[in-house]
């Protein structure tokens, strides 16, 4: 008889009977997806409020790709053609692991190399985010130049983030650390 009782108990637990009958059903938890503005959904450019996070994601990916390439050659410096190729590959990667989460009422970019990820929130990936990150990455390489980016990498991850994200023209300049930068006036808006 005991095996039958054990089987009944296991089946009733699996079926979920018992606790609900006595206490009612457990409350349902729903986690809403971030509500994206038309700019966040449709613009080909990274929204201003997410550019600092995007810059940190780009610096992280560039650092990882260059570190791996140096590891393959024994941690010595890469030749110019090699680091140029690695930077191009870094910017042309898929970027599908990045998306937007809403944390404390604020939209933030989330993915590898970005700290503020919440396990109990919905992240919207795909869509325009990979293309925006790739476009920003190519813009940084074109603006700063491969040699300057590689030189910053050789000084360390903090130097690369400083070069790309901070300073007077960086995406994180002027705001709180890790926060969105103040709106910039574009030349055609003057």
N, C-alpha and C. Protein backbone atom coordinates (compact mmCIF):
# COMPACT_ATOMS: atom_id res chain seq x y z
N UNK A 1 0.80 -1.19 0.00
CA UNK A 1 0.00 0.00 0.00
C UNK A 1 0.85 1.27 0.00
N UNK A 2 1.99 1.26 0.67
CA UNK A 2 2.81 2.46 0.74
C UNK A 2 3.29 2.91 -0.63
N UNK A 3 3.70 2.02 -1.54
CA UNK A 3 4.08 2.51 -2.87
C UNK A 3 2.92 3.21 -3.59
N UNK A 4 1.71 2.71 -3.40
CA UNK A 4 0.55 3.35 -4.04
C UNK A 4 0.31 4.74 -3.45
N UNK A 5 0.46 4.87 -2.12
CA UNK A 5 0.30 6.16 -1.47
C UNK A 5 1.36 7.15 -1.95
N UNK A 6 2.60 6.69 -2.07
CA UNK A 6 3.69 7.55 -2.55
C UNK A 6 3.44 7.98 -3.99
N UNK A 7 2.94 7.07 -4.82
CA UNK A 7 2.64 7.41 -6.21
C UNK A 7 1.51 8.43 -6.28
N UNK A 8 0.45 8.25 -5.45
CA UNK A 8 -0.66 9.21 -5.43
C UNK A 8 -0.18 10.59 -5.00
N UNK A 9 0.67 10.64 -3.95
CA UNK A 9 1.19 11.90 -3.45
C UNK A 9 2.02 12.60 -4.53
N UNK A 10 2.90 11.85 -5.21
CA UNK A 10 3.74 12.42 -6.26
C UNK A 10 2.88 12.94 -7.41
N UNK A 11 1.88 12.16 -7.83
CA UNK A 11 1.01 12.60 -8.92
C UNK A 11 0.19 13.82 -8.53
N UNK A 12 -0.29 13.87 -7.30
CA UNK A 12 -1.08 15.02 -6.90
C UNK A 12 -0.21 16.27 -6.80
N UNK A 13 1.04 16.12 -6.42
CA UNK A 13 1.95 17.27 -6.40
C UNK A 13 2.26 17.74 -7.82
N UNK A 14 2.49 16.77 -8.71
CA UNK A 14 2.76 17.12 -10.11
C UNK A 14 1.55 17.76 -10.76
N UNK A 15 0.38 17.26 -10.43
CA UNK A 15 -0.84 17.80 -11.02
C UNK A 15 -1.21 19.13 -10.39
N UNK A 16 -0.62 19.42 -9.25
CA UNK A 16 -0.86 20.70 -8.62
C UNK A 16 -2.11 20.73 -7.76
N UNK A 17 -2.64 19.57 -7.39
CA UNK A 17 -3.83 19.57 -6.54
C UNK A 17 -3.40 19.60 -5.09
N UNK A 18 -4.24 20.08 -4.27
CA UNK A 18 -3.94 20.07 -2.84
C UNK A 18 -3.72 21.47 -2.33
N UNK A 19 -2.59 22.09 -2.65
CA UNK A 19 -2.26 23.41 -2.11
C UNK A 19 -3.26 24.47 -2.58
N UNK A 20 -3.65 24.41 -3.87
CA UNK A 20 -4.60 25.40 -4.37
C UNK A 20 -5.95 25.24 -3.72
N UNK A 21 -6.35 23.95 -3.47
CA UNK A 21 -7.64 23.70 -2.86
C UNK A 21 -7.72 24.34 -1.49
N UNK A 22 -6.63 24.34 -0.77
CA UNK A 22 -6.64 24.85 0.59
C UNK A 22 -6.33 26.35 0.63
N UNK A 23 -5.43 26.83 -0.19
CA UNK A 23 -4.97 28.22 -0.08
C UNK A 23 -5.33 29.08 -1.27
N UNK A 24 -5.87 28.54 -2.31
CA UNK A 24 -6.12 29.30 -3.53
C UNK A 24 -4.92 29.20 -4.45
N UNK A 25 -5.08 29.59 -5.67
CA UNK A 25 -4.00 29.51 -6.66
C UNK A 25 -2.92 30.53 -6.32
N UNK A 26 -1.65 30.18 -6.60
CA UNK A 26 -0.58 31.15 -6.35
C UNK A 26 -0.76 32.36 -7.27
N UNK A 27 -0.37 33.54 -6.81
CA UNK A 27 -0.55 34.73 -7.65
C UNK A 27 0.30 34.63 -8.91
N UNK A 28 -0.28 35.02 -10.01
CA UNK A 28 0.45 35.01 -11.28
C UNK A 28 1.36 36.22 -11.33
N UNK A 29 2.60 36.02 -11.80
CA UNK A 29 3.55 37.13 -11.95
C UNK A 29 3.72 37.38 -13.43
N UNK A 30 3.61 38.62 -13.79
CA UNK A 30 3.82 38.96 -15.19
C UNK A 30 4.88 40.05 -15.26
N UNK A 31 5.79 39.86 -16.17
CA UNK A 31 6.87 40.83 -16.36
C UNK A 31 6.69 41.43 -17.75
N UNK A 32 6.32 42.69 -17.82
CA UNK A 32 6.07 43.30 -19.13
C UNK A 32 7.37 43.59 -19.88
N UNK A 33 7.26 43.55 -21.19
CA UNK A 33 8.39 43.95 -22.05
C UNK A 33 8.50 45.46 -22.03
N UNK A 34 9.70 45.99 -22.25
CA UNK A 34 9.85 47.45 -22.31
C UNK A 34 8.98 48.04 -23.42
N UNK A 35 8.36 49.16 -23.13
CA UNK A 35 7.57 49.87 -24.14
C UNK A 35 8.51 50.80 -24.89
N UNK A 36 8.74 50.52 -26.15
CA UNK A 36 9.69 51.29 -26.94
C UNK A 36 9.01 52.44 -27.67
N UNK A 37 9.68 53.57 -27.66
CA UNK A 37 9.17 54.75 -28.37
C UNK A 37 9.35 54.52 -29.88
N UNK A 38 8.71 55.34 -30.72
CA UNK A 38 8.92 55.21 -32.16
C UNK A 38 10.39 55.33 -32.55
N UNK A 39 11.13 56.24 -31.90
CA UNK A 39 12.57 56.37 -32.20
C UNK A 39 13.30 55.08 -31.86
N UNK A 40 13.00 54.49 -30.71
CA UNK A 40 13.67 53.27 -30.28
C UNK A 40 13.33 52.09 -31.19
N UNK A 41 12.14 52.08 -31.76
CA UNK A 41 11.72 50.99 -32.65
C UNK A 41 12.18 51.19 -34.09
N UNK A 42 12.17 52.42 -34.58
CA UNK A 42 12.27 52.64 -36.02
C UNK A 42 13.53 53.34 -36.51
N UNK A 43 14.18 54.12 -35.67
CA UNK A 43 15.34 54.90 -36.13
C UNK A 43 16.50 53.98 -36.49
N UNK A 44 17.25 54.32 -37.54
CA UNK A 44 18.44 53.52 -37.86
C UNK A 44 19.61 53.83 -36.92
N UNK A 45 19.48 54.88 -36.10
CA UNK A 45 20.55 55.30 -35.20
C UNK A 45 20.25 54.85 -33.77
N UNK A 46 21.30 54.68 -32.99
CA UNK A 46 21.14 54.34 -31.58
C UNK A 46 20.50 55.53 -30.86
N UNK A 47 19.41 55.30 -30.13
CA UNK A 47 18.81 56.41 -29.37
C UNK A 47 19.82 57.03 -28.41
N UNK A 48 19.76 58.32 -28.26
CA UNK A 48 20.72 59.06 -27.44
C UNK A 48 20.85 58.49 -26.04
N UNK A 49 19.74 58.13 -25.42
CA UNK A 49 19.75 57.64 -24.04
C UNK A 49 20.45 56.29 -23.89
N UNK A 50 20.68 55.57 -24.98
CA UNK A 50 21.32 54.26 -24.92
C UNK A 50 22.74 54.25 -25.47
N UNK A 51 23.23 55.41 -25.92
CA UNK A 51 24.56 55.45 -26.55
C UNK A 51 25.70 55.14 -25.60
N UNK A 52 25.60 55.55 -24.35
CA UNK A 52 26.67 55.24 -23.39
C UNK A 52 26.76 53.73 -23.18
N UNK A 53 25.61 53.08 -22.95
CA UNK A 53 25.61 51.62 -22.79
C UNK A 53 26.15 50.95 -24.05
N UNK A 54 25.72 51.44 -25.21
CA UNK A 54 26.18 50.87 -26.48
C UNK A 54 27.69 51.00 -26.62
N UNK A 55 28.23 52.14 -26.23
CA UNK A 55 29.67 52.35 -26.32
C UNK A 55 30.42 51.36 -25.44
N UNK A 56 29.92 51.13 -24.23
CA UNK A 56 30.57 50.16 -23.34
C UNK A 56 30.49 48.74 -23.92
N UNK A 57 29.38 48.40 -24.56
CA UNK A 57 29.25 47.09 -25.19
C UNK A 57 30.26 46.96 -26.34
N UNK A 58 30.41 48.00 -27.13
CA UNK A 58 31.36 47.99 -28.25
C UNK A 58 32.79 47.87 -27.74
N UNK A 59 33.13 48.65 -26.72
CA UNK A 59 34.49 48.57 -26.15
C UNK A 59 34.76 47.17 -25.62
N UNK A 60 33.78 46.57 -24.97
CA UNK A 60 33.93 45.21 -24.45
C UNK A 60 34.18 44.22 -25.59
N UNK A 61 33.39 44.30 -26.65
CA UNK A 61 33.55 43.35 -27.77
C UNK A 61 34.88 43.55 -28.49
N UNK A 62 35.30 44.80 -28.69
CA UNK A 62 36.60 45.06 -29.32
C UNK A 62 37.71 44.49 -28.45
N UNK A 63 37.64 44.75 -27.16
CA UNK A 63 38.66 44.24 -26.22
C UNK A 63 38.73 42.72 -26.27
N UNK A 64 37.57 42.06 -26.25
CA UNK A 64 37.54 40.59 -26.28
C UNK A 64 38.15 40.04 -27.57
N UNK A 65 37.78 40.63 -28.70
CA UNK A 65 38.28 40.14 -29.99
C UNK A 65 39.80 40.34 -30.11
N UNK A 66 40.29 41.52 -29.69
CA UNK A 66 41.73 41.78 -29.75
C UNK A 66 42.49 40.88 -28.78
N UNK A 67 41.94 40.67 -27.59
CA UNK A 67 42.59 39.80 -26.60
C UNK A 67 42.70 38.36 -27.13
N UNK A 68 41.63 37.87 -27.75
CA UNK A 68 41.66 36.51 -28.32
C UNK A 68 42.69 36.42 -29.44
N UNK A 69 42.74 37.42 -30.31
CA UNK A 69 43.70 37.40 -31.42
C UNK A 69 45.13 37.43 -30.89
N UNK A 70 45.39 38.23 -29.86
CA UNK A 70 46.74 38.27 -29.28
C UNK A 70 47.08 36.94 -28.61
N UNK A 71 46.10 36.30 -28.01
CA UNK A 71 46.32 35.00 -27.39
C UNK A 71 46.75 33.94 -28.40
N UNK A 72 46.25 34.05 -29.61
CA UNK A 72 46.62 33.10 -30.67
C UNK A 72 48.06 33.28 -31.12
N UNK A 73 48.63 34.48 -30.92
CA UNK A 73 50.02 34.73 -31.33
C UNK A 73 50.94 34.83 -30.11
N UNK A 74 50.48 34.33 -28.98
CA UNK A 74 51.33 34.31 -27.79
C UNK A 74 51.37 35.62 -27.02
N UNK A 75 50.28 36.38 -27.01
CA UNK A 75 50.14 37.64 -26.26
C UNK A 75 51.07 38.76 -26.74
N UNK A 76 51.76 38.57 -27.84
CA UNK A 76 52.56 39.69 -28.35
C UNK A 76 51.68 40.60 -29.20
N UNK A 77 52.17 41.77 -29.46
CA UNK A 77 51.39 42.75 -30.22
C UNK A 77 51.08 42.22 -31.63
N UNK A 78 49.91 42.57 -32.10
CA UNK A 78 49.50 42.19 -33.45
C UNK A 78 50.11 43.16 -34.46
N UNK A 79 50.31 42.67 -35.67
CA UNK A 79 50.76 43.56 -36.75
C UNK A 79 49.57 44.43 -37.18
N UNK A 80 49.87 45.53 -37.87
CA UNK A 80 48.81 46.43 -38.30
C UNK A 80 47.74 45.72 -39.14
N UNK A 81 48.11 44.93 -40.14
CA UNK A 81 47.06 44.25 -40.91
C UNK A 81 46.21 43.32 -40.04
N UNK A 82 46.84 42.70 -39.04
CA UNK A 82 46.09 41.79 -38.17
C UNK A 82 45.10 42.54 -37.29
N UNK A 83 45.52 43.63 -36.64
CA UNK A 83 44.57 44.32 -35.77
C UNK A 83 43.50 45.05 -36.57
N UNK A 84 43.82 45.50 -37.79
CA UNK A 84 42.80 46.11 -38.65
C UNK A 84 41.73 45.07 -38.98
N UNK A 85 42.16 43.85 -39.30
CA UNK A 85 41.21 42.77 -39.61
C UNK A 85 40.36 42.41 -38.39
N UNK A 86 40.97 42.35 -37.22
CA UNK A 86 40.23 42.02 -35.99
C UNK A 86 39.19 43.11 -35.69
N UNK A 87 39.57 44.37 -35.86
CA UNK A 87 38.62 45.46 -35.61
C UNK A 87 37.45 45.41 -36.59
N UNK A 88 37.73 45.12 -37.85
CA UNK A 88 36.66 44.99 -38.84
C UNK A 88 35.73 43.84 -38.47
N UNK A 89 36.30 42.73 -38.07
CA UNK A 89 35.50 41.56 -37.66
C UNK A 89 34.68 41.89 -36.40
N UNK A 90 35.28 42.64 -35.47
CA UNK A 90 34.57 43.01 -34.24
C UNK A 90 33.32 43.82 -34.56
N UNK A 91 33.44 44.77 -35.47
CA UNK A 91 32.31 45.63 -35.80
C UNK A 91 31.28 44.92 -36.68
N UNK A 92 31.70 43.94 -37.45
CA UNK A 92 30.80 43.26 -38.38
C UNK A 92 30.13 42.03 -37.77
N UNK A 93 30.42 41.73 -36.51
CA UNK A 93 29.81 40.56 -35.87
C UNK A 93 28.30 40.74 -35.78
N UNK A 94 27.62 39.72 -35.32
CA UNK A 94 26.16 39.74 -35.29
C UNK A 94 25.50 40.65 -34.27
N UNK A 95 26.03 40.82 -33.09
CA UNK A 95 25.48 41.66 -32.03
C UNK A 95 24.11 41.20 -31.54
N UNK A 96 23.68 39.97 -31.88
CA UNK A 96 22.35 39.51 -31.51
C UNK A 96 22.16 39.29 -30.01
N UNK A 97 23.24 39.22 -29.24
CA UNK A 97 23.10 38.98 -27.81
C UNK A 97 22.80 40.26 -27.02
N UNK A 98 22.61 41.37 -27.72
CA UNK A 98 22.31 42.64 -27.07
C UNK A 98 20.85 43.02 -27.31
N UNK A 99 20.29 43.69 -26.34
CA UNK A 99 18.91 44.15 -26.46
C UNK A 99 18.62 45.18 -25.38
N UNK A 100 17.36 45.52 -25.23
CA UNK A 100 16.94 46.55 -24.28
C UNK A 100 16.12 45.92 -23.17
N UNK A 101 16.41 46.34 -21.94
CA UNK A 101 15.64 45.97 -20.76
C UNK A 101 15.15 47.25 -20.10
N UNK A 102 14.06 47.15 -19.39
CA UNK A 102 13.61 48.28 -18.60
C UNK A 102 13.91 47.96 -17.14
N UNK A 103 14.76 48.78 -16.54
CA UNK A 103 15.19 48.58 -15.16
C UNK A 103 14.83 49.81 -14.35
N UNK A 104 13.95 49.65 -13.39
CA UNK A 104 13.55 50.79 -12.56
C UNK A 104 12.93 51.91 -13.36
N UNK A 105 12.18 51.57 -14.40
CA UNK A 105 11.54 52.58 -15.23
C UNK A 105 12.44 53.21 -16.26
N UNK A 106 13.69 52.78 -16.34
CA UNK A 106 14.64 53.35 -17.29
C UNK A 106 15.08 52.25 -18.27
N UNK A 107 15.08 52.57 -19.55
CA UNK A 107 15.52 51.60 -20.56
C UNK A 107 17.03 51.60 -20.61
N UNK A 108 17.60 50.40 -20.61
CA UNK A 108 19.05 50.23 -20.67
C UNK A 108 19.38 49.13 -21.66
N UNK A 109 20.51 49.28 -22.33
CA UNK A 109 21.02 48.23 -23.19
C UNK A 109 21.57 47.13 -22.30
N UNK A 110 21.36 45.88 -22.67
CA UNK A 110 21.82 44.74 -21.88
C UNK A 110 22.51 43.75 -22.80
N UNK A 111 23.48 43.05 -22.26
CA UNK A 111 24.21 42.04 -23.01
C UNK A 111 25.60 41.88 -22.44
N UNK A 112 26.45 41.09 -23.09
CA UNK A 112 27.80 40.84 -22.59
C UNK A 112 28.60 42.12 -22.38
N UNK A 113 29.25 42.23 -21.21
CA UNK A 113 30.07 43.38 -20.90
C UNK A 113 29.33 44.53 -20.27
N UNK A 114 28.01 44.41 -20.15
CA UNK A 114 27.20 45.47 -19.54
C UNK A 114 26.68 44.97 -18.19
N UNK A 115 26.89 45.74 -17.13
CA UNK A 115 26.60 45.24 -15.79
C UNK A 115 25.14 45.15 -15.40
N UNK A 116 24.30 46.06 -15.70
CA UNK A 116 22.97 46.18 -15.10
C UNK A 116 21.93 45.22 -15.66
N UNK A 117 22.22 43.94 -15.71
CA UNK A 117 21.28 42.98 -16.25
C UNK A 117 20.45 42.38 -15.13
N UNK A 118 19.15 42.34 -15.31
CA UNK A 118 18.23 41.80 -14.33
C UNK A 118 17.70 40.47 -14.84
N UNK A 119 17.82 39.40 -14.05
CA UNK A 119 17.33 38.11 -14.52
C UNK A 119 15.80 38.06 -14.62
N UNK A 120 15.09 38.88 -13.84
CA UNK A 120 13.63 38.84 -13.84
C UNK A 120 13.04 39.99 -14.64
N UNK A 121 13.58 40.22 -15.83
CA UNK A 121 13.00 41.24 -16.69
C UNK A 121 13.05 40.73 -18.12
N UNK A 122 12.28 41.36 -18.96
CA UNK A 122 12.21 40.97 -20.36
C UNK A 122 13.21 41.81 -21.14
N UNK A 123 13.98 41.15 -22.00
CA UNK A 123 14.93 41.87 -22.83
C UNK A 123 14.46 41.75 -24.29
N UNK A 124 14.35 42.89 -24.96
CA UNK A 124 13.95 42.91 -26.36
C UNK A 124 15.24 42.91 -27.18
N UNK A 125 15.46 41.80 -27.91
CA UNK A 125 16.67 41.67 -28.73
C UNK A 125 16.29 41.66 -30.21
N UNK A 126 17.30 41.59 -31.04
CA UNK A 126 17.06 41.56 -32.48
C UNK A 126 16.60 42.92 -32.97
N UNK A 127 15.79 42.91 -33.99
CA UNK A 127 15.28 44.17 -34.54
C UNK A 127 16.41 45.10 -34.94
N UNK A 128 16.32 46.36 -34.54
CA UNK A 128 17.31 47.33 -34.98
C UNK A 128 18.60 47.33 -34.16
N UNK A 129 18.65 46.66 -33.01
CA UNK A 129 19.80 46.79 -32.10
C UNK A 129 21.10 46.28 -32.71
N UNK A 130 21.16 45.10 -33.33
CA UNK A 130 22.44 44.66 -33.91
C UNK A 130 23.00 45.62 -34.96
N UNK A 131 22.14 46.11 -35.85
CA UNK A 131 22.60 47.04 -36.88
C UNK A 131 23.08 48.36 -36.30
N UNK A 132 22.41 48.83 -35.27
CA UNK A 132 22.83 50.08 -34.63
C UNK A 132 24.18 49.92 -33.96
N UNK A 133 24.39 48.81 -33.28
CA UNK A 133 25.69 48.58 -32.62
C UNK A 133 26.80 48.47 -33.65
N UNK A 134 26.55 47.75 -34.73
CA UNK A 134 27.56 47.60 -35.78
C UNK A 134 27.89 48.96 -36.40
N UNK A 135 26.87 49.75 -36.66
CA UNK A 135 27.08 51.09 -37.25
C UNK A 135 27.90 51.98 -36.31
N UNK A 136 27.57 51.95 -35.02
CA UNK A 136 28.34 52.75 -34.05
C UNK A 136 29.78 52.28 -33.98
N UNK A 137 29.98 50.97 -33.98
CA UNK A 137 31.33 50.41 -33.89
C UNK A 137 32.17 50.86 -35.09
N UNK A 138 31.61 50.73 -36.29
CA UNK A 138 32.33 51.19 -37.49
C UNK A 138 32.61 52.69 -37.42
N UNK A 139 31.68 53.44 -36.87
CA UNK A 139 31.88 54.89 -36.71
C UNK A 139 33.05 55.20 -35.79
N UNK A 140 33.16 54.47 -34.67
CA UNK A 140 34.28 54.68 -33.75
C UNK A 140 35.61 54.35 -34.42
N UNK A 141 35.64 53.24 -35.15
CA UNK A 141 36.89 52.86 -35.82
C UNK A 141 37.27 53.90 -36.87
N UNK A 142 36.28 54.39 -37.62
CA UNK A 142 36.56 55.40 -38.62
C UNK A 142 36.99 56.74 -38.01
N UNK A 143 36.35 57.10 -36.91
CA UNK A 143 36.64 58.37 -36.24
C UNK A 143 37.99 58.35 -35.54
N UNK A 144 38.23 57.33 -34.75
CA UNK A 144 39.44 57.27 -33.92
C UNK A 144 40.62 56.66 -34.66
N UNK A 145 40.34 55.76 -35.58
CA UNK A 145 41.40 55.10 -36.33
C UNK A 145 41.84 53.81 -35.64
N UNK A 146 42.19 52.84 -36.46
CA UNK A 146 42.57 51.53 -35.95
C UNK A 146 43.80 51.59 -35.03
N UNK A 147 44.80 52.38 -35.41
CA UNK A 147 46.04 52.45 -34.63
C UNK A 147 45.78 53.02 -33.23
N UNK A 148 44.96 54.06 -33.15
CA UNK A 148 44.67 54.66 -31.85
C UNK A 148 43.84 53.70 -30.98
N UNK A 149 42.90 53.01 -31.57
CA UNK A 149 42.09 52.05 -30.82
C UNK A 149 42.97 50.90 -30.33
N UNK A 150 43.84 50.39 -31.20
CA UNK A 150 44.70 49.28 -30.78
C UNK A 150 45.68 49.73 -29.70
N UNK A 151 46.20 50.93 -29.82
CA UNK A 151 47.10 51.46 -28.79
C UNK A 151 46.40 51.56 -27.44
N UNK A 152 45.15 52.01 -27.43
CA UNK A 152 44.38 52.08 -26.18
C UNK A 152 44.15 50.68 -25.63
N UNK A 153 43.85 49.73 -26.49
CA UNK A 153 43.68 48.34 -26.05
C UNK A 153 44.94 47.83 -25.37
N UNK A 154 46.09 48.15 -25.93
CA UNK A 154 47.37 47.67 -25.37
C UNK A 154 47.61 48.26 -23.98
N UNK A 155 47.04 49.44 -23.70
CA UNK A 155 47.17 50.04 -22.37
C UNK A 155 46.18 49.45 -21.38
N UNK A 156 45.15 48.77 -21.85
CA UNK A 156 44.19 48.12 -20.96
C UNK A 156 42.75 48.49 -21.26
N UNK A 157 41.80 47.68 -20.74
CA UNK A 157 40.39 47.91 -21.03
C UNK A 157 39.90 49.29 -20.60
N UNK A 158 40.39 49.81 -19.49
CA UNK A 158 39.95 51.13 -19.03
C UNK A 158 40.37 52.21 -20.04
N UNK A 159 41.54 52.07 -20.62
CA UNK A 159 42.02 53.06 -21.61
C UNK A 159 41.16 53.01 -22.87
N UNK A 160 40.76 51.82 -23.27
CA UNK A 160 39.92 51.69 -24.46
C UNK A 160 38.54 52.31 -24.20
N UNK A 161 37.94 52.03 -23.06
CA UNK A 161 36.65 52.64 -22.71
C UNK A 161 36.76 54.16 -22.62
N UNK A 162 37.86 54.63 -22.05
CA UNK A 162 38.08 56.07 -21.95
C UNK A 162 38.15 56.70 -23.34
N UNK A 163 38.90 56.09 -24.23
CA UNK A 163 39.04 56.61 -25.59
C UNK A 163 37.70 56.65 -26.32
N UNK A 164 36.96 55.55 -26.27
CA UNK A 164 35.73 55.46 -27.04
C UNK A 164 34.53 56.14 -26.39
N UNK A 165 34.40 56.01 -25.08
CA UNK A 165 33.14 56.38 -24.43
C UNK A 165 33.17 57.65 -23.61
N UNK A 166 34.31 58.03 -23.13
CA UNK A 166 34.37 59.17 -22.21
C UNK A 166 35.12 60.32 -22.87
N UNK A 167 35.55 61.27 -22.13
CA UNK A 167 36.21 62.43 -22.72
C UNK A 167 35.17 63.41 -23.23
N UNK A 168 35.62 64.46 -23.87
CA UNK A 168 34.72 65.54 -24.30
C UNK A 168 33.65 65.10 -25.29
N UNK A 169 34.01 64.24 -26.22
CA UNK A 169 33.07 63.86 -27.28
C UNK A 169 32.49 62.46 -27.09
N UNK A 170 32.83 61.79 -26.01
CA UNK A 170 32.36 60.43 -25.80
C UNK A 170 30.87 60.34 -25.53
N UNK A 171 30.31 59.18 -25.81
CA UNK A 171 28.88 58.95 -25.61
C UNK A 171 28.48 59.05 -24.14
N UNK A 172 29.44 58.88 -23.23
CA UNK A 172 29.16 58.94 -21.79
C UNK A 172 29.60 60.27 -21.18
N UNK A 173 30.07 61.18 -21.96
CA UNK A 173 30.56 62.46 -21.44
C UNK A 173 29.42 63.32 -20.91
N UNK A 174 29.69 64.00 -19.82
CA UNK A 174 28.74 64.96 -19.31
C UNK A 174 27.64 64.41 -18.45
N UNK A 175 27.41 63.11 -18.46
CA UNK A 175 26.37 62.52 -17.63
C UNK A 175 26.99 61.77 -16.49
N UNK A 176 26.15 61.16 -15.67
CA UNK A 176 26.66 60.32 -14.59
C UNK A 176 27.31 59.09 -15.20
N UNK A 177 28.25 58.51 -14.51
CA UNK A 177 28.97 57.35 -15.03
C UNK A 177 27.97 56.26 -15.37
N UNK A 178 28.04 55.78 -16.61
CA UNK A 178 27.16 54.71 -17.04
C UNK A 178 25.78 55.20 -17.45
N UNK A 179 25.49 56.45 -17.25
CA UNK A 179 24.17 56.98 -17.58
C UNK A 179 24.16 57.60 -18.96
N UNK A 180 22.99 58.01 -19.39
CA UNK A 180 22.91 58.59 -20.72
C UNK A 180 23.55 59.97 -20.77
N UNK A 181 24.08 60.29 -21.90
CA UNK A 181 24.70 61.59 -22.11
C UNK A 181 23.62 62.62 -22.37
N UNK A 182 23.90 63.89 -22.12
CA UNK A 182 22.91 64.92 -22.43
C UNK A 182 22.69 65.00 -23.94
N UNK A 183 21.53 65.47 -24.37
CA UNK A 183 21.28 65.57 -25.80
C UNK A 183 22.30 66.48 -26.48
N UNK A 184 22.71 66.07 -27.67
CA UNK A 184 23.67 66.86 -28.43
C UNK A 184 22.93 67.54 -29.56
N UNK A 185 23.35 68.74 -29.90
CA UNK A 185 22.77 69.46 -31.02
C UNK A 185 23.55 69.06 -32.25
N UNK A 186 22.83 68.56 -33.24
CA UNK A 186 23.44 68.15 -34.50
C UNK A 186 23.65 69.38 -35.37
N UNK A 187 24.70 69.43 -36.20
CA UNK A 187 24.97 70.59 -37.04
C UNK A 187 23.78 71.02 -37.89
N UNK A 188 22.99 70.06 -38.39
CA UNK A 188 21.87 70.42 -39.25
C UNK A 188 20.67 70.93 -38.46
N UNK A 189 20.76 70.92 -37.09
CA UNK A 189 19.67 71.41 -36.27
C UNK A 189 19.92 72.84 -35.78
N UNK A 190 21.05 73.43 -36.14
CA UNK A 190 21.37 74.79 -35.70
C UNK A 190 20.58 75.82 -36.44
